[in-house]
């Protein structure tokens, strides 16, 4: 498992946090850790590309980038 941190824009409230959490939980094999306004931390198998995590969040309506 690999830990990935995401920076997420345009999140303003608990509903945003819930939407992002639900989007990440739909990615197979991902364990969602901390999700808060502006960021998320997940653990994913090496077989799940980090771009799939970014895409899931973006499909939920929030621009996302990987944290270094």
N, C-alpha and C. Protein backbone atom coordinates (compact mmCIF):
# COMPACT_ATOMS: atom_id res chain seq x y z
N UNK A 1 0.84 -1.19 0.00
CA UNK A 1 0.00 0.00 0.00
C UNK A 1 0.89 1.24 0.00
N UNK A 2 0.40 2.24 -0.70
CA UNK A 2 1.13 3.50 -0.81
C UNK A 2 0.22 4.62 -0.31
N UNK A 3 0.77 5.51 0.49
CA UNK A 3 0.00 6.66 0.96
C UNK A 3 0.10 7.78 -0.06
N UNK A 4 -1.04 8.37 -0.37
CA UNK A 4 -1.10 9.49 -1.30
C UNK A 4 -1.84 10.64 -0.64
N UNK A 5 -1.28 11.82 -0.78
CA UNK A 5 -1.92 13.02 -0.25
C UNK A 5 -2.34 13.89 -1.43
N UNK A 6 -3.57 14.39 -1.34
CA UNK A 6 -4.12 15.22 -2.40
C UNK A 6 -4.42 16.61 -1.87
N UNK A 7 -4.14 17.60 -2.68
CA UNK A 7 -4.58 18.97 -2.40
C UNK A 7 -5.81 19.18 -3.27
N UNK A 8 -6.90 19.61 -2.65
CA UNK A 8 -8.18 19.71 -3.35
C UNK A 8 -8.72 21.12 -3.22
N UNK A 9 -9.05 21.71 -4.36
CA UNK A 9 -9.55 23.08 -4.37
C UNK A 9 -11.08 23.12 -4.35
N UNK A 10 -11.61 24.28 -4.02
CA UNK A 10 -13.05 24.57 -4.07
C UNK A 10 -13.88 23.81 -3.06
N UNK A 11 -13.27 23.25 -2.03
CA UNK A 11 -14.03 22.61 -0.96
C UNK A 11 -14.31 23.69 0.09
N UNK A 12 -15.58 23.73 0.56
CA UNK A 12 -15.94 24.80 1.49
C UNK A 12 -16.63 24.31 2.76
N UNK A 13 -17.16 23.07 2.75
CA UNK A 13 -18.01 22.68 3.87
C UNK A 13 -17.99 21.15 4.06
N UNK A 14 -18.75 20.70 5.04
CA UNK A 14 -18.82 19.27 5.33
C UNK A 14 -19.43 18.48 4.17
N UNK A 15 -20.34 19.09 3.42
CA UNK A 15 -20.93 18.40 2.26
C UNK A 15 -19.86 18.14 1.20
N UNK A 16 -18.96 19.09 1.02
CA UNK A 16 -17.84 18.91 0.08
C UNK A 16 -16.95 17.76 0.54
N UNK A 17 -16.67 17.72 1.83
CA UNK A 17 -15.84 16.66 2.40
C UNK A 17 -16.50 15.30 2.15
N UNK A 18 -17.79 15.23 2.36
CA UNK A 18 -18.54 13.98 2.17
C UNK A 18 -18.50 13.54 0.70
N UNK A 19 -18.67 14.49 -0.23
CA UNK A 19 -18.64 14.15 -1.66
C UNK A 19 -17.27 13.62 -2.07
N UNK A 20 -16.23 14.26 -1.59
CA UNK A 20 -14.87 13.81 -1.93
C UNK A 20 -14.61 12.44 -1.34
N UNK A 21 -14.99 12.23 -0.09
CA UNK A 21 -14.81 10.91 0.55
C UNK A 21 -15.53 9.83 -0.26
N UNK A 22 -16.77 10.08 -0.63
CA UNK A 22 -17.54 9.09 -1.39
C UNK A 22 -16.91 8.81 -2.75
N UNK A 23 -16.39 9.85 -3.41
CA UNK A 23 -15.74 9.66 -4.70
C UNK A 23 -14.49 8.78 -4.56
N UNK A 24 -13.70 9.02 -3.54
CA UNK A 24 -12.48 8.24 -3.33
C UNK A 24 -12.80 6.80 -2.93
N UNK A 25 -13.86 6.60 -2.16
CA UNK A 25 -14.24 5.26 -1.74
C UNK A 25 -14.68 4.39 -2.91
N UNK A 26 -15.08 5.00 -4.02
CA UNK A 26 -15.50 4.24 -5.20
C UNK A 26 -14.32 3.66 -5.98
N UNK A 27 -13.11 4.15 -5.71
CA UNK A 27 -11.93 3.62 -6.38
C UNK A 27 -11.56 2.30 -5.72
N UNK A 28 -11.56 1.24 -6.48
CA UNK A 28 -11.35 -0.11 -5.94
C UNK A 28 -9.99 -0.24 -5.26
N UNK A 29 -10.02 -0.77 -4.04
CA UNK A 29 -8.80 -1.04 -3.29
C UNK A 29 -8.30 0.10 -2.43
N UNK A 30 -8.94 1.26 -2.54
CA UNK A 30 -8.48 2.45 -1.82
C UNK A 30 -9.06 2.47 -0.41
N UNK A 31 -8.21 2.80 0.54
CA UNK A 31 -8.65 3.01 1.92
C UNK A 31 -8.54 4.51 2.18
N UNK A 32 -9.67 5.14 2.41
CA UNK A 32 -9.70 6.58 2.61
C UNK A 32 -9.37 6.89 4.06
N UNK A 33 -8.39 7.74 4.23
CA UNK A 33 -8.01 8.16 5.58
C UNK A 33 -8.68 9.49 5.90
N UNK A 34 -7.88 10.49 6.12
CA UNK A 34 -8.37 11.81 6.50
C UNK A 34 -8.84 12.58 5.28
N UNK A 35 -10.05 13.10 5.34
CA UNK A 35 -10.54 14.02 4.31
C UNK A 35 -11.01 15.26 5.05
N UNK A 36 -10.47 16.41 4.66
CA UNK A 36 -10.87 17.67 5.27
C UNK A 36 -10.92 18.72 4.17
N UNK A 37 -11.45 19.87 4.49
CA UNK A 37 -11.54 20.93 3.50
C UNK A 37 -10.14 21.23 2.95
N UNK A 38 -9.97 21.01 1.66
CA UNK A 38 -8.71 21.31 1.00
C UNK A 38 -7.73 20.17 0.85
N UNK A 39 -8.00 19.02 1.46
CA UNK A 39 -7.01 17.94 1.39
C UNK A 39 -7.63 16.58 1.69
N UNK A 40 -6.92 15.56 1.23
CA UNK A 40 -7.32 14.18 1.54
C UNK A 40 -6.07 13.32 1.61
N UNK A 41 -6.15 12.27 2.41
CA UNK A 41 -5.07 11.29 2.53
C UNK A 41 -5.68 9.92 2.33
N UNK A 42 -5.11 9.15 1.41
CA UNK A 42 -5.63 7.81 1.14
C UNK A 42 -4.48 6.83 1.05
N UNK A 43 -4.79 5.56 1.24
CA UNK A 43 -3.84 4.48 1.00
C UNK A 43 -4.39 3.66 -0.15
N UNK A 44 -3.52 3.36 -1.10
CA UNK A 44 -3.94 2.61 -2.27
C UNK A 44 -2.87 1.61 -2.65
N UNK A 45 -3.28 0.47 -3.23
CA UNK A 45 -2.28 -0.48 -3.70
C UNK A 45 -1.46 0.13 -4.83
N UNK A 46 -0.28 -0.39 -5.03
CA UNK A 46 0.60 0.10 -6.10
C UNK A 46 -0.07 -0.04 -7.48
N UNK A 47 -1.01 -0.96 -7.59
CA UNK A 47 -1.67 -1.19 -8.88
C UNK A 47 -2.67 -0.10 -9.24
N UNK A 48 -3.03 0.74 -8.27
CA UNK A 48 -3.96 1.85 -8.54
C UNK A 48 -3.13 3.09 -8.84
N UNK A 49 -3.21 3.60 -10.07
CA UNK A 49 -2.42 4.80 -10.38
C UNK A 49 -2.92 6.01 -9.61
N UNK A 50 -1.99 6.86 -9.24
CA UNK A 50 -2.37 8.07 -8.51
C UNK A 50 -3.30 8.94 -9.34
N UNK A 51 -3.17 8.86 -10.66
CA UNK A 51 -4.04 9.64 -11.54
C UNK A 51 -5.50 9.22 -11.39
N UNK A 52 -5.75 7.97 -11.01
CA UNK A 52 -7.13 7.51 -10.80
C UNK A 52 -7.75 8.21 -9.59
N UNK A 53 -6.94 8.50 -8.59
CA UNK A 53 -7.42 9.21 -7.40
C UNK A 53 -7.76 10.65 -7.76
N UNK A 54 -6.86 11.30 -8.50
CA UNK A 54 -7.10 12.67 -8.93
C UNK A 54 -8.35 12.73 -9.80
N UNK A 55 -8.49 11.79 -10.71
CA UNK A 55 -9.66 11.76 -11.60
C UNK A 55 -10.96 11.58 -10.83
N UNK A 56 -10.96 10.73 -9.83
CA UNK A 56 -12.17 10.49 -9.04
C UNK A 56 -12.62 11.77 -8.35
N UNK A 57 -11.67 12.52 -7.80
CA UNK A 57 -12.01 13.77 -7.12
C UNK A 57 -12.48 14.81 -8.13
N UNK A 58 -11.81 14.86 -9.28
CA UNK A 58 -12.20 15.83 -10.30
C UNK A 58 -13.59 15.53 -10.87
N UNK A 59 -13.93 14.26 -11.00
CA UNK A 59 -15.27 13.89 -11.47
C UNK A 59 -16.33 14.32 -10.47
N UNK A 60 -15.96 14.41 -9.20
CA UNK A 60 -16.89 14.88 -8.17
C UNK A 60 -17.01 16.40 -8.19
N UNK A 61 -16.19 17.06 -9.02
CA UNK A 61 -16.31 18.50 -9.19
C UNK A 61 -15.27 19.35 -8.50
N UNK A 62 -14.17 18.72 -8.07
CA UNK A 62 -13.15 19.46 -7.32
C UNK A 62 -11.78 19.27 -7.97
N UNK A 63 -11.13 20.36 -8.39
CA UNK A 63 -9.79 20.24 -8.93
C UNK A 63 -8.83 19.68 -7.87
N UNK A 64 -8.00 18.73 -8.28
CA UNK A 64 -7.09 18.09 -7.32
C UNK A 64 -5.70 17.92 -7.92
N UNK A 65 -4.71 17.98 -7.03
CA UNK A 65 -3.32 17.72 -7.41
C UNK A 65 -2.69 16.86 -6.33
N UNK A 66 -1.62 16.19 -6.70
CA UNK A 66 -0.88 15.39 -5.74
C UNK A 66 0.01 16.28 -4.89
N UNK A 67 0.06 16.00 -3.61
CA UNK A 67 0.97 16.72 -2.73
C UNK A 67 2.34 16.05 -2.83
N UNK A 68 3.40 16.83 -2.83
CA UNK A 68 4.74 16.22 -2.90
C UNK A 68 5.09 15.45 -1.63
